Amino acid sequence: GAIIPMVMAFGCNVPAVMAAGQLR
C-alpha cells in the first residue's frame, strides 16, 4: 500500500508525505 504515496511522490512529494503520515 505504501507504493501509492511513492507513486504520488513522482507528482509531488508534499501530498505523498501527507499520505505516508496515515501509515499504521
mmCIF file of all heavy atoms, coordinates in Angstrom:
data_MODEL
# 
_entry.id   MODEL 
# 
loop_
_atom_site.group_PDB 
_atom_site.id 
_atom_site.type_symbol 
_atom_site.label_atom_id 
_atom_site.label_alt_id 
_atom_site.label_comp_id 
_atom_site.label_asym_id 
_atom_site.label_entity_id 
_atom_site.label_seq_id 
_atom_site.pdbx_PDB_ins_code 
_atom_site.Cartn_x 
_atom_site.Cartn_y 
_atom_site.Cartn_z 
_atom_site.occupancy 
_atom_site.B_iso_or_equiv 
_atom_site.pdbx_formal_charge 
_atom_site.auth_seq_id 
_atom_site.auth_comp_id 
_atom_site.auth_asym_id 
_atom_site.auth_atom_id 
_atom_site.pdbx_PDB_model_num 
ATOM 1   N N   . GLY A 1 1  ? 0.808  -1.215 0.000   1.00 0.00 ? 1  GLY A N   1 
ATOM 2   C CA  . GLY A 1 1  ? 0.000  0.000  0.000   1.00 0.00 ? 1  GLY A CA  1 
ATOM 3   C C   . GLY A 1 1  ? 0.838  1.259  0.000   1.00 0.00 ? 1  GLY A C   1 
ATOM 4   O O   . GLY A 1 1  ? 0.375  2.322  -0.444  1.00 0.00 ? 1  GLY A O   1 
ATOM 5   N N   . ALA A 1 2  ? 2.082  1.160  0.479   1.00 0.00 ? 2  ALA A N   1 
ATOM 6   C CA  . ALA A 1 2  ? 2.960  2.339  0.528   1.00 0.00 ? 2  ALA A CA  1 
ATOM 7   C C   . ALA A 1 2  ? 3.409  2.776  -0.855  1.00 0.00 ? 2  ALA A C   1 
ATOM 8   O O   . ALA A 1 2  ? 3.919  3.886  -1.003  1.00 0.00 ? 2  ALA A O   1 
ATOM 9   C CB  . ALA A 1 2  ? 4.182  2.042  1.401   1.00 0.00 ? 2  ALA A CB  1 
ATOM 10  N N   . ILE A 1 3  ? 3.201  1.922  -1.856  1.00 0.00 ? 3  ILE A N   1 
ATOM 11  C CA  . ILE A 1 3  ? 3.615  2.337  -3.201  1.00 0.00 ? 3  ILE A CA  1 
ATOM 12  C C   . ILE A 1 3  ? 2.721  3.456  -3.718  1.00 0.00 ? 3  ILE A C   1 
ATOM 13  O O   . ILE A 1 3  ? 3.117  4.225  -4.598  1.00 0.00 ? 3  ILE A O   1 
ATOM 14  C CB  . ILE A 1 3  ? 3.597  1.149  -4.186  1.00 0.00 ? 3  ILE A CB  1 
ATOM 15  C CG1 . ILE A 1 3  ? 4.463  1.491  -5.407  1.00 0.00 ? 3  ILE A CG1 1 
ATOM 16  C CG2 . ILE A 1 3  ? 2.182  0.797  -4.608  1.00 0.00 ? 3  ILE A CG2 1 
ATOM 17  C CD1 . ILE A 1 3  ? 4.652  0.361  -6.382  1.00 0.00 ? 3  ILE A CD1 1 
ATOM 18  N N   . ILE A 1 4  ? 1.514  3.579  -3.164  1.00 0.00 ? 4  ILE A N   1 
ATOM 19  C CA  . ILE A 1 4  ? 0.621  4.646  -3.622  1.00 0.00 ? 4  ILE A CA  1 
ATOM 20  C C   . ILE A 1 4  ? 1.192  6.018  -3.268  1.00 0.00 ? 4  ILE A C   1 
ATOM 21  O O   . ILE A 1 4  ? 1.315  6.880  -4.140  1.00 0.00 ? 4  ILE A O   1 
ATOM 22  C CB  . ILE A 1 4  ? -0.795 4.439  -3.074  1.00 0.00 ? 4  ILE A CB  1 
ATOM 23  C CG1 . ILE A 1 4  ? -1.394 3.167  -3.689  1.00 0.00 ? 4  ILE A CG1 1 
ATOM 24  C CG2 . ILE A 1 4  ? -1.686 5.646  -3.356  1.00 0.00 ? 4  ILE A CG2 1 
ATOM 25  C CD1 . ILE A 1 4  ? -2.771 2.823  -3.222  1.00 0.00 ? 4  ILE A CD1 1 
ATOM 26  N N   . PRO A 1 5  ? 1.591  6.281  -1.995  1.00 0.00 ? 5  PRO A N   1 
ATOM 27  C CA  . PRO A 1 5  ? 2.278  7.557  -1.759  1.00 0.00 ? 5  PRO A CA  1 
ATOM 28  C C   . PRO A 1 5  ? 3.604  7.664  -2.495  1.00 0.00 ? 5  PRO A C   1 
ATOM 29  O O   . PRO A 1 5  ? 4.010  8.762  -2.881  1.00 0.00 ? 5  PRO A O   1 
ATOM 30  C CB  . PRO A 1 5  ? 2.483  7.587  -0.233  1.00 0.00 ? 5  PRO A CB  1 
ATOM 31  C CG  . PRO A 1 5  ? 2.241  6.222  0.255   1.00 0.00 ? 5  PRO A CG  1 
ATOM 32  C CD  . PRO A 1 5  ? 1.299  5.594  -0.721  1.00 0.00 ? 5  PRO A CD  1 
ATOM 33  N N   . MET A 1 6  ? 4.273  6.521  -2.743  1.00 0.00 ? 6  MET A N   1 
ATOM 34  C CA  . MET A 1 6  ? 5.527  6.568  -3.503  1.00 0.00 ? 6  MET A CA  1 
ATOM 35  C C   . MET A 1 6  ? 5.268  7.025  -4.933  1.00 0.00 ? 6  MET A C   1 
ATOM 36  O O   . MET A 1 6  ? 6.015  7.837  -5.487  1.00 0.00 ? 6  MET A O   1 
ATOM 37  C CB  . MET A 1 6  ? 6.195  5.192  -3.504  1.00 0.00 ? 6  MET A CB  1 
ATOM 38  C CG  . MET A 1 6  ? 6.663  4.718  -2.141  1.00 0.00 ? 6  MET A CG  1 
ATOM 39  S SD  . MET A 1 6  ? 8.162  5.541  -1.553  1.00 0.00 ? 6  MET A SD  1 
ATOM 40  C CE  . MET A 1 6  ? 9.398  4.742  -2.534  1.00 0.00 ? 6  MET A CE  1 
ATOM 41  N N   . VAL A 1 7  ? 4.193  6.512  -5.541  1.00 0.00 ? 7  VAL A N   1 
ATOM 42  C CA  . VAL A 1 7  ? 3.852  6.934  -6.900  1.00 0.00 ? 7  VAL A CA  1 
ATOM 43  C C   . VAL A 1 7  ? 3.366  8.379  -6.893  1.00 0.00 ? 7  VAL A C   1 
ATOM 44  O O   . VAL A 1 7  ? 3.681  9.169  -7.789  1.00 0.00 ? 7  VAL A O   1 
ATOM 45  C CB  . VAL A 1 7  ? 2.785  5.998  -7.509  1.00 0.00 ? 7  VAL A CB  1 
ATOM 46  C CG1 . VAL A 1 7  ? 2.266  6.555  -8.835  1.00 0.00 ? 7  VAL A CG1 1 
ATOM 47  C CG2 . VAL A 1 7  ? 3.358  4.605  -7.719  1.00 0.00 ? 7  VAL A CG2 1 
ATOM 48  N N   . MET A 1 8  ? 2.600  8.744  -5.857  1.00 0.00 ? 8  MET A N   1 
ATOM 49  C CA  . MET A 1 8  ? 2.168  10.138 -5.723  1.00 0.00 ? 8  MET A CA  1 
ATOM 50  C C   . MET A 1 8  ? 3.379  11.067 -5.677  1.00 0.00 ? 8  MET A C   1 
ATOM 51  O O   . MET A 1 8  ? 3.326  12.203 -6.163  1.00 0.00 ? 8  MET A O   1 
ATOM 52  C CB  . MET A 1 8  ? 1.331  10.317 -4.458  1.00 0.00 ? 8  MET A CB  1 
ATOM 53  C CG  . MET A 1 8  ? -0.053 9.709  -4.511  1.00 0.00 ? 8  MET A CG  1 
ATOM 54  S SD  . MET A 1 8  ? -0.883 9.790  -2.912  1.00 0.00 ? 8  MET A SD  1 
ATOM 55  C CE  . MET A 1 8  ? -1.026 11.553 -2.690  1.00 0.00 ? 8  MET A CE  1 
ATOM 56  N N   . ALA A 1 9  ? 4.467  10.583 -5.082  1.00 0.00 ? 9  ALA A N   1 
ATOM 57  C CA  . ALA A 1 9  ? 5.671  11.412 -4.944  1.00 0.00 ? 9  ALA A CA  1 
ATOM 58  C C   . ALA A 1 9  ? 6.270  11.771 -6.290  1.00 0.00 ? 9  ALA A C   1 
ATOM 59  O O   . ALA A 1 9  ? 6.948  12.793 -6.416  1.00 0.00 ? 9  ALA A O   1 
ATOM 60  C CB  . ALA A 1 9  ? 6.711  10.686 -4.082  1.00 0.00 ? 9  ALA A CB  1 
ATOM 61  N N   . PHE A 1 10 ? 6.031  10.960 -7.320  1.00 0.00 ? 10 PHE A N   1 
ATOM 62  C CA  . PHE A 1 10 ? 6.506  11.316 -8.654  1.00 0.00 ? 10 PHE A CA  1 
ATOM 63  C C   . PHE A 1 10 ? 5.823  12.580 -9.145  1.00 0.00 ? 10 PHE A C   1 
ATOM 64  O O   . PHE A 1 10 ? 6.378  13.318 -9.958  1.00 0.00 ? 10 PHE A O   1 
ATOM 65  C CB  . PHE A 1 10 ? 6.262  10.175 -9.643  1.00 0.00 ? 10 PHE A CB  1 
ATOM 66  C CG  . PHE A 1 10 ? 7.282  9.084  -9.576  1.00 0.00 ? 10 PHE A CG  1 
ATOM 67  C CD1 . PHE A 1 10 ? 7.034  7.924  -8.865  1.00 0.00 ? 10 PHE A CD1 1 
ATOM 68  C CD2 . PHE A 1 10 ? 8.497  9.216  -10.211 1.00 0.00 ? 10 PHE A CD2 1 
ATOM 69  C CE1 . PHE A 1 10 ? 7.974  6.912  -8.799  1.00 0.00 ? 10 PHE A CE1 1 
ATOM 70  C CE2 . PHE A 1 10 ? 9.446  8.218  -10.158 1.00 0.00 ? 10 PHE A CE2 1 
ATOM 71  C CZ  . PHE A 1 10 ? 9.191  7.055  -9.436  1.00 0.00 ? 10 PHE A CZ  1 
ATOM 72  N N   . GLY A 1 11 ? 4.602  12.830 -8.665  1.00 0.00 ? 11 GLY A N   1 
ATOM 73  C CA  . GLY A 1 11 ? 3.930  14.084 -8.985  1.00 0.00 ? 11 GLY A CA  1 
ATOM 74  C C   . GLY A 1 11 ? 4.403  15.205 -8.087  1.00 0.00 ? 11 GLY A C   1 
ATOM 75  O O   . GLY A 1 11 ? 4.842  16.254 -8.550  1.00 0.00 ? 11 GLY A O   1 
ATOM 76  N N   . CYS A 1 12 ? 4.307  14.983 -6.765  1.00 0.00 ? 12 CYS A N   1 
ATOM 77  C CA  . CYS A 1 12 ? 4.747  15.980 -5.792  1.00 0.00 ? 12 CYS A CA  1 
ATOM 78  C C   . CYS A 1 12 ? 4.997  15.282 -4.471  1.00 0.00 ? 12 CYS A C   1 
ATOM 79  O O   . CYS A 1 12 ? 4.176  14.465 -4.032  1.00 0.00 ? 12 CYS A O   1 
ATOM 80  C CB  . CYS A 1 12 ? 3.695  17.081 -5.638  1.00 0.00 ? 12 CYS A CB  1 
ATOM 81  S SG  . CYS A 1 12 ? 4.163  18.360 -4.450  1.00 0.00 ? 12 CYS A SG  1 
ATOM 82  N N   . ASN A 1 13 ? 6.101  15.601 -3.813  1.00 0.00 ? 13 ASN A N   1 
ATOM 83  C CA  . ASN A 1 13 ? 6.431  14.981 -2.533  1.00 0.00 ? 13 ASN A CA  1 
ATOM 84  C C   . ASN A 1 13 ? 5.499  15.400 -1.410  1.00 0.00 ? 13 ASN A C   1 
ATOM 85  O O   . ASN A 1 13 ? 5.313  14.670 -0.438  1.00 0.00 ? 13 ASN A O   1 
ATOM 86  C CB  . ASN A 1 13 ? 7.874  15.322 -2.137  1.00 0.00 ? 13 ASN A CB  1 
ATOM 87  C CG  . ASN A 1 13 ? 8.917  14.600 -2.970  1.00 0.00 ? 13 ASN A CG  1 
ATOM 88  O OD1 . ASN A 1 13 ? 10.109 14.847 -2.863  1.00 0.00 ? 13 ASN A OD1 1 
ATOM 89  N ND2 . ASN A 1 13 ? 8.476  13.689 -3.843  1.00 0.00 ? 13 ASN A ND2 1 
ATOM 90  N N   . VAL A 1 14 ? 4.897  16.595 -1.524  1.00 0.00 ? 14 VAL A N   1 
ATOM 91  C CA  . VAL A 1 14 ? 4.084  17.131 -0.423  1.00 0.00 ? 14 VAL A CA  1 
ATOM 92  C C   . VAL A 1 14 ? 2.873  16.253 -0.125  1.00 0.00 ? 14 VAL A C   1 
ATOM 93  O O   . VAL A 1 14 ? 2.713  15.773 1.007   1.00 0.00 ? 14 VAL A O   1 
ATOM 94  C CB  . VAL A 1 14 ? 3.664  18.588 -0.709  1.00 0.00 ? 14 VAL A CB  1 
ATOM 95  C CG1 . VAL A 1 14 ? 2.662  19.071 0.338   1.00 0.00 ? 14 VAL A CG1 1 
ATOM 96  C CG2 . VAL A 1 14 ? 4.883  19.498 -0.723  1.00 0.00 ? 14 VAL A CG2 1 
ATOM 97  N N   . PRO A 1 15 ? 1.967  15.991 -1.092  1.00 0.00 ? 15 PRO A N   1 
ATOM 98  C CA  . PRO A 1 15 ? 0.834  15.111 -0.773  1.00 0.00 ? 15 PRO A CA  1 
ATOM 99  C C   . PRO A 1 15 ? 1.271  13.690 -0.466  1.00 0.00 ? 15 PRO A C   1 
ATOM 100 O O   . PRO A 1 15 ? 0.589  12.974 0.280   1.00 0.00 ? 15 PRO A O   1 
ATOM 101 C CB  . PRO A 1 15 ? -0.038 15.173 -2.036  1.00 0.00 ? 15 PRO A CB  1 
ATOM 102 C CG  . PRO A 1 15 ? 0.876  15.599 -3.122  1.00 0.00 ? 15 PRO A CG  1 
ATOM 103 C CD  . PRO A 1 15 ? 1.885  16.488 -2.474  1.00 0.00 ? 15 PRO A CD  1 
ATOM 104 N N   . ALA A 1 16 ? 2.401  13.266 -1.038  1.00 0.00 ? 16 ALA A N   1 
ATOM 105 C CA  . ALA A 1 16 ? 2.895  11.915 -0.760  1.00 0.00 ? 16 ALA A CA  1 
ATOM 106 C C   . ALA A 1 16 ? 3.299  11.774 0.703   1.00 0.00 ? 16 ALA A C   1 
ATOM 107 O O   . ALA A 1 16 ? 3.007  10.760 1.342   1.00 0.00 ? 16 ALA A O   1 
ATOM 108 C CB  . ALA A 1 16 ? 4.077  11.599 -1.671  1.00 0.00 ? 16 ALA A CB  1 
ATOM 109 N N   . VAL A 1 17 ? 3.968  12.787 1.255   1.00 0.00 ? 17 VAL A N   1 
ATOM 110 C CA  . VAL A 1 17 ? 4.330  12.757 2.681   1.00 0.00 ? 17 VAL A CA  1 
ATOM 111 C C   . VAL A 1 17 ? 3.076  12.766 3.549   1.00 0.00 ? 17 VAL A C   1 
ATOM 112 O O   . VAL A 1 17 ? 2.992  12.062 4.567   1.00 0.00 ? 17 VAL A O   1 
ATOM 113 C CB  . VAL A 1 17 ? 5.245  13.952 3.036   1.00 0.00 ? 17 VAL A CB  1 
ATOM 114 C CG1 . VAL A 1 17 ? 5.451  14.041 4.545   1.00 0.00 ? 17 VAL A CG1 1 
ATOM 115 C CG2 . VAL A 1 17 ? 6.594  13.816 2.342   1.00 0.00 ? 17 VAL A CG2 1 
ATOM 116 N N   . MET A 1 18 ? 2.076  13.541 3.151   1.00 0.00 ? 18 MET A N   1 
ATOM 117 C CA  . MET A 1 18 ? 0.820  13.569 3.903   1.00 0.00 ? 18 MET A CA  1 
ATOM 118 C C   . MET A 1 18 ? 0.136  12.207 3.875   1.00 0.00 ? 18 MET A C   1 
ATOM 119 O O   . MET A 1 18 ? -0.398 11.744 4.886   1.00 0.00 ? 18 MET A O   1 
ATOM 120 C CB  . MET A 1 18 ? -0.111 14.640 3.324   1.00 0.00 ? 18 MET A CB  1 
ATOM 121 C CG  . MET A 1 18 ? 0.422  16.057 3.495   1.00 0.00 ? 18 MET A CG  1 
ATOM 122 S SD  . MET A 1 18 ? -0.609 17.305 2.700   1.00 0.00 ? 18 MET A SD  1 
ATOM 123 C CE  . MET A 1 18 ? -2.075 17.210 3.709   1.00 0.00 ? 18 MET A CE  1 
ATOM 124 N N   . ALA A 1 19 ? 0.174  11.536 2.726   1.00 0.00 ? 19 ALA A N   1 
ATOM 125 C CA  . ALA A 1 19 ? -0.396 10.193 2.624   1.00 0.00 ? 19 ALA A CA  1 
ATOM 126 C C   . ALA A 1 19 ? 0.394  9.201  3.464   1.00 0.00 ? 19 ALA A C   1 
ATOM 127 O O   . ALA A 1 19 ? -0.178 8.317  4.111   1.00 0.00 ? 19 ALA A O   1 
ATOM 128 C CB  . ALA A 1 19 ? -0.429 9.752  1.160   1.00 0.00 ? 19 ALA A CB  1 
ATOM 129 N N   . ALA A 1 20 ? 1.714  9.352  3.482   1.00 0.00 ? 20 ALA A N   1 
ATOM 130 C CA  . ALA A 1 20 ? 2.555  8.459  4.282   1.00 0.00 ? 20 ALA A CA  1 
ATOM 131 C C   . ALA A 1 20 ? 2.293  8.642  5.768   1.00 0.00 ? 20 ALA A C   1 
ATOM 132 O O   . ALA A 1 20 ? 2.481  7.721  6.568   1.00 0.00 ? 20 ALA A O   1 
ATOM 133 C CB  . ALA A 1 20 ? 4.034  8.708  3.980   1.00 0.00 ? 20 ALA A CB  1 
ATOM 134 N N   . GLY A 1 21 ? 1.836  9.846  6.162   1.00 0.00 ? 21 GLY A N   1 
ATOM 135 C CA  . GLY A 1 21 ? 1.509  10.099 7.564   1.00 0.00 ? 21 GLY A CA  1 
ATOM 136 C C   . GLY A 1 21 ? 0.373  9.246  8.067   1.00 0.00 ? 21 GLY A C   1 
ATOM 137 O O   . GLY A 1 21 ? 0.159  9.132  9.285   1.00 0.00 ? 21 GLY A O   1 
ATOM 138 N N   . GLN A 1 22 ? -0.399 8.628  7.128   1.00 0.00 ? 22 GLN A N   1 
ATOM 139 C CA  . GLN A 1 22 ? -1.520 7.766  7.526   1.00 0.00 ? 22 GLN A CA  1 
ATOM 140 C C   . GLN A 1 22 ? -1.118 6.300  7.643   1.00 0.00 ? 22 GLN A C   1 
ATOM 141 O O   . GLN A 1 22 ? -1.980 5.459  7.956   1.00 0.00 ? 22 GLN A O   1 
ATOM 142 C CB  . GLN A 1 22 ? -2.659 7.901  6.504   1.00 0.00 ? 22 GLN A CB  1 
ATOM 143 C CG  . GLN A 1 22 ? -3.089 9.327  6.217   1.00 0.00 ? 22 GLN A CG  1 
ATOM 144 C CD  . GLN A 1 22 ? -3.482 10.077 7.469   1.00 0.00 ? 22 GLN A CD  1 
ATOM 145 O OE1 . GLN A 1 22 ? -4.199 9.550  8.318   1.00 0.00 ? 22 GLN A OE1 1 
ATOM 146 N NE2 . GLN A 1 22 ? -2.996 11.310 7.604   1.00 0.00 ? 22 GLN A NE2 1 
ATOM 147 N N   . LEU A 1 23 ? 0.154  5.970  7.383   1.00 0.00 ? 23 LEU A N   1 
ATOM 148 C CA  . LEU A 1 23 ? 0.599  4.591  7.543   1.00 0.00 ? 23 LEU A CA  1 
ATOM 149 C C   . LEU A 1 23 ? 0.482  4.173  9.003   1.00 0.00 ? 23 LEU A C   1 
ATOM 150 O O   . LEU A 1 23 ? 0.474  4.998  9.919   1.00 0.00 ? 23 LEU A O   1 
ATOM 151 C CB  . LEU A 1 23 ? 2.037  4.433  7.049   1.00 0.00 ? 23 LEU A CB  1 
ATOM 152 C CG  . LEU A 1 23 ? 2.230  4.623  5.539   1.00 0.00 ? 23 LEU A CG  1 
ATOM 153 C CD1 . LEU A 1 23 ? 3.710  4.505  5.174   1.00 0.00 ? 23 LEU A CD1 1 
ATOM 154 C CD2 . LEU A 1 23 ? 1.418  3.607  4.740   1.00 0.00 ? 23 LEU A CD2 1 
ATOM 155 N N   . ARG A 1 24 ? 0.427  2.882  9.224   1.00 0.00 ? 24 ARG A N   1 
ATOM 156 C CA  . ARG A 1 24 ? -0.025 2.358  10.520  1.00 0.00 ? 24 ARG A CA  1 
ATOM 157 C C   . ARG A 1 24 ? 0.949  2.581  11.668  1.00 0.00 ? 24 ARG A C   1 
ATOM 158 O O   . ARG A 1 24 ? 0.541  2.880  12.780  1.00 0.00 ? 24 ARG A O   1 
ATOM 159 C CB  . ARG A 1 24 ? -0.308 0.855  10.363  1.00 0.00 ? 24 ARG A CB  1 
ATOM 160 C CG  . ARG A 1 24 ? -0.969 0.229  11.570  1.00 0.00 ? 24 ARG A CG  1 
ATOM 161 C CD  . ARG A 1 24 ? -1.491 -1.154 11.249  1.00 0.00 ? 24 ARG A CD  1 
ATOM 162 N NE  . ARG A 1 24 ? -2.133 -1.754 12.403  1.00 0.00 ? 24 ARG A NE  1 
ATOM 163 C CZ  . ARG A 1 24 ? -2.706 -2.947 12.383  1.00 0.00 ? 24 ARG A CZ  1 
ATOM 164 N NH1 . ARG A 1 24 ? -2.726 -3.644 11.267  1.00 0.00 ? 24 ARG A NH1 1 
ATOM 165 N NH2 . ARG A 1 24 ? -3.263 -3.448 13.468  1.00 0.00 ? 24 ARG A NH2 1 
# 
